[in-house]
Amino acid sequence: MYEPTQAGRELSEVMVALQHWGSKWAELTPEQAHPGVVLWMWATFFLDRDRLPRRRALIRFDYPTLSGPGSRSWLLVERGDAEICEKYPGGEELLVVVVNDPVAFARWHLGEIRWGDALRSAAIEVKGSRTLARALPTWHRDQGHGPQPLHGVEPVDRAAQTRAATSA
């Protein structure tokens, strides 16, 4: 399992502090809250892979405030990992998430509002599997814990590499 170095842990603390500073002082505008970018950040750095279903799940995200190719994307969950697809990857869409208010979606991702509040205000709509709809927001890692490494990156054991190279 990947374990960051001391330098990495300290840098993570700096990044979290910057995020808190930005949340306090920066005004989030629609231009800064592209829902596709928010989804990518979530899936890449803040998705709690330990909570993902082991079976395949395809979730479509629609962005009605956008037009053209970037107005839809998919979160494909397979074998406890996930990726964002810009093109339909095939298979049954078990859930459709409609992001009516990109700023609210970004604020949820940043931990500024709760998922239930976004649903009640119709900023976000969810259609499809009730079980998956309830589980989806629980896949989000707390911003306070900082980002996770990409796709379970394994640490590099430099000492073992050196020993192997010198004994060969």
Protein backbone atom coordinates (compact mmCIF):
# COMPACT_ATOMS: atom_id res chain seq x y z
CA MET A 1 0.00 0.00 0.00
CA TYR A 2 1.24 3.50 -0.82
CA GLU A 3 2.43 5.58 2.11
CA PRO A 4 3.60 9.13 1.39
CA THR A 5 6.97 10.28 2.63
CA GLN A 6 7.25 12.80 5.43
CA ALA A 7 7.76 15.51 2.79
CA GLY A 8 4.58 14.36 1.03
CA ARG A 9 2.57 14.41 4.26
CA GLU A 10 3.79 17.91 5.05
CA LEU A 11 3.00 19.11 1.52
CA SER A 12 -0.49 17.64 1.83
CA GLU A 13 -1.01 19.75 4.96
CA VAL A 14 0.04 22.85 2.99
CA MET A 15 -2.37 21.99 0.17
CA VAL A 16 -5.26 21.53 2.60
CA ALA A 17 -4.41 24.87 4.23
CA LEU A 18 -4.44 26.53 0.78
CA GLN A 19 -7.81 24.93 0.03
CA HIS A 20 -9.23 26.28 3.30
CA TRP A 21 -7.79 29.73 2.55
CA GLY A 22 -9.29 29.66 -0.95
CA SER A 23 -12.67 28.56 0.41
CA LYS A 24 -12.67 31.48 2.80
CA TRP A 25 -11.45 34.24 0.50
CA ALA A 26 -12.22 33.25 -3.10
CA GLU A 27 -15.70 33.73 -4.52
CA LEU A 28 -16.68 30.60 -6.45
CA THR A 29 -18.26 31.58 -9.77
CA PRO A 30 -19.84 29.44 -12.52
CA GLU A 31 -16.78 30.04 -14.69
CA GLN A 32 -14.62 28.42 -12.01
CA ALA A 33 -16.98 25.52 -11.35
CA HIS A 34 -16.98 23.46 -14.52
CA PRO A 35 -18.83 20.29 -13.43
CA GLY A 36 -16.65 18.04 -15.60
CA VAL A 37 -13.53 19.35 -13.88
CA VAL A 38 -15.15 18.94 -10.45
CA LEU A 39 -16.07 15.33 -11.32
CA TRP A 40 -12.53 14.67 -12.57
CA MET A 41 -11.01 16.08 -9.36
CA TRP A 42 -13.36 13.99 -7.25
CA ALA A 43 -12.73 10.77 -9.18
CA THR A 44 -8.99 11.32 -9.43
CA PHE A 45 -8.09 12.55 -5.96
CA PHE A 46 -11.07 12.41 -3.58
CA LEU A 47 -12.89 9.19 -4.44
CA ASP A 48 -12.80 6.75 -1.54
CA ARG A 49 -12.03 3.59 -3.49
CA ASP A 50 -12.55 1.42 -0.40
CA ARG A 51 -16.26 2.31 -0.55
CA LEU A 52 -16.77 1.63 -4.26
CA PRO A 53 -18.84 -1.35 -5.33
CA ARG A 54 -16.85 -4.34 -6.57
CA ARG A 55 -19.31 -4.92 -9.41
CA ARG A 56 -19.42 -2.73 -12.52
CA ALA A 57 -21.46 0.43 -12.16
CA LEU A 58 -21.91 3.06 -14.84
CA ILE A 59 -23.07 6.49 -13.70
CA ARG A 60 -23.90 9.22 -16.21
CA PHE A 61 -23.42 12.87 -15.28
CA ASP A 62 -25.42 15.43 -17.29
CA TYR A 63 -24.60 19.14 -17.21
CA PRO A 64 -27.61 21.00 -18.67
CA THR A 65 -25.90 24.39 -18.24
CA LEU A 66 -23.31 23.32 -20.84
CA SER A 67 -23.74 22.46 -24.50
CA GLY A 68 -21.71 20.36 -26.86
CA PRO A 69 -19.33 17.49 -26.17
CA GLY A 70 -18.56 18.49 -22.57
CA SER A 71 -22.20 18.44 -21.46
CA ARG A 72 -22.10 14.80 -20.37
CA SER A 73 -19.60 12.35 -18.89
CA TRP A 74 -19.61 8.97 -17.19
CA LEU A 75 -18.10 7.60 -14.01
CA LEU A 76 -17.24 3.97 -14.68
CA VAL A 77 -16.67 1.86 -11.56
CA GLU A 78 -15.09 -1.55 -12.04
CA ARG A 79 -13.34 -3.89 -9.58
CA GLY A 80 -13.07 -1.21 -6.87
CA ASP A 81 -11.57 1.46 -9.12
CA ALA A 82 -13.11 4.23 -11.19
CA GLU A 83 -12.42 6.36 -14.21
CA ILE A 84 -14.07 9.27 -16.00
CA CYS A 85 -15.20 8.61 -19.57
CA GLU A 86 -15.91 11.44 -21.99
CA LYS A 87 -17.48 8.98 -24.45
CA TYR A 88 -20.16 6.44 -23.63
CA PRO A 89 -18.27 3.30 -22.53
CA GLY A 90 -21.18 0.95 -23.15
CA GLY A 91 -23.36 -0.91 -20.72
CA GLU A 92 -26.35 -0.09 -18.58
CA GLU A 93 -26.41 3.30 -16.90
CA LEU A 94 -27.46 2.44 -13.35
CA LEU A 95 -27.64 6.05 -12.21
CA VAL A 96 -28.00 9.47 -13.85
CA VAL A 97 -26.79 12.54 -11.96
CA VAL A 98 -28.01 15.85 -13.36
CA VAL A 99 -25.89 18.80 -12.21
CA ASN A 100 -28.28 21.76 -12.60
CA ASP A 101 -26.10 24.11 -10.55
CA PRO A 102 -22.35 23.62 -11.14
CA VAL A 103 -21.45 25.98 -8.27
CA ALA A 104 -23.45 23.86 -5.82
CA PHE A 105 -21.74 20.71 -7.17
CA ALA A 106 -18.34 22.34 -6.62
CA ARG A 107 -19.35 23.53 -3.16
CA TRP A 108 -20.41 19.97 -2.27
CA HIS A 109 -17.04 18.66 -3.50
CA LEU A 110 -15.27 21.28 -1.37
CA GLY A 111 -17.30 20.28 1.69
CA GLU A 112 -19.15 23.59 1.89
CA ILE A 113 -22.64 22.08 1.50
CA ARG A 114 -24.11 18.65 2.12
CA TRP A 115 -25.27 16.32 -0.65
CA GLY A 116 -28.79 16.21 0.78
CA ASP A 117 -29.01 20.01 0.69
CA ALA A 118 -27.94 20.01 -2.98
CA LEU A 119 -30.65 17.45 -3.75
CA ARG A 120 -33.38 19.30 -1.81
CA SER A 121 -32.57 22.55 -3.63
CA ALA A 122 -32.66 20.71 -7.01
CA ALA A 123 -29.08 21.85 -7.69
CA ILE A 124 -28.41 18.15 -8.26
CA GLU A 125 -30.93 15.50 -9.33
CA VAL A 126 -30.36 11.76 -9.15
CA LYS A 127 -32.35 9.17 -11.11
CA GLY A 128 -31.98 5.39 -11.10
CA SER A 129 -30.89 2.81 -8.55
CA ARG A 130 -31.87 3.97 -5.06
CA THR A 131 -29.10 1.90 -3.48
CA LEU A 132 -26.48 3.44 -5.74
CA ALA A 133 -28.00 6.92 -5.27
CA ARG A 134 -27.63 6.61 -1.49
CA ALA A 135 -24.09 5.22 -1.76
CA LEU A 136 -22.71 7.77 -4.27
CA PRO A 137 -22.07 10.68 -1.88
CA THR A 138 -20.40 8.34 0.62
CA TRP A 139 -17.66 7.67 -1.92
CA HIS A 140 -16.35 11.20 -1.41
CA ARG A 141 -13.25 11.47 0.78
CA ASP A 142 -13.30 14.28 3.31
CA GLN A 143 -11.35 17.28 1.99
CA GLY A 144 -9.67 17.54 5.39
CA HIS A 145 -7.89 14.24 4.78
CA GLY A 146 -6.27 15.61 1.64
CA PRO A 147 -6.08 14.01 -1.78
CA GLN A 148 -5.30 10.35 -2.20
CA PRO A 149 -2.65 9.02 -4.57
CA LEU A 150 -3.73 8.15 -8.09
CA HIS A 151 -5.24 4.67 -8.43
CA GLY A 152 -3.51 3.10 -5.44
CA VAL A 153 0.05 3.89 -6.53
CA GLU A 154 2.51 1.50 -4.88
CA PRO A 155 5.61 2.97 -3.22
CA VAL A 156 8.95 2.47 -4.89
CA ASP A 157 11.42 0.57 -2.69
CA ARG A 158 14.68 2.21 -3.82
CA ALA A 159 16.82 0.08 -1.49
CA ALA A 160 15.39 -3.15 -2.94
CA GLN A 161 15.95 -1.83 -6.48
CA THR A 162 19.57 -1.00 -5.65
CA ARG A 163 20.18 -4.42 -4.05
CA ALA A 164 18.65 -6.19 -7.07
CA ALA A 165 20.73 -4.16 -9.51
CA THR A 166 24.02 -4.76 -7.68
CA SER A 167 23.44 -8.51 -7.22
CA ALA A 168 22.64 -9.08 -10.89
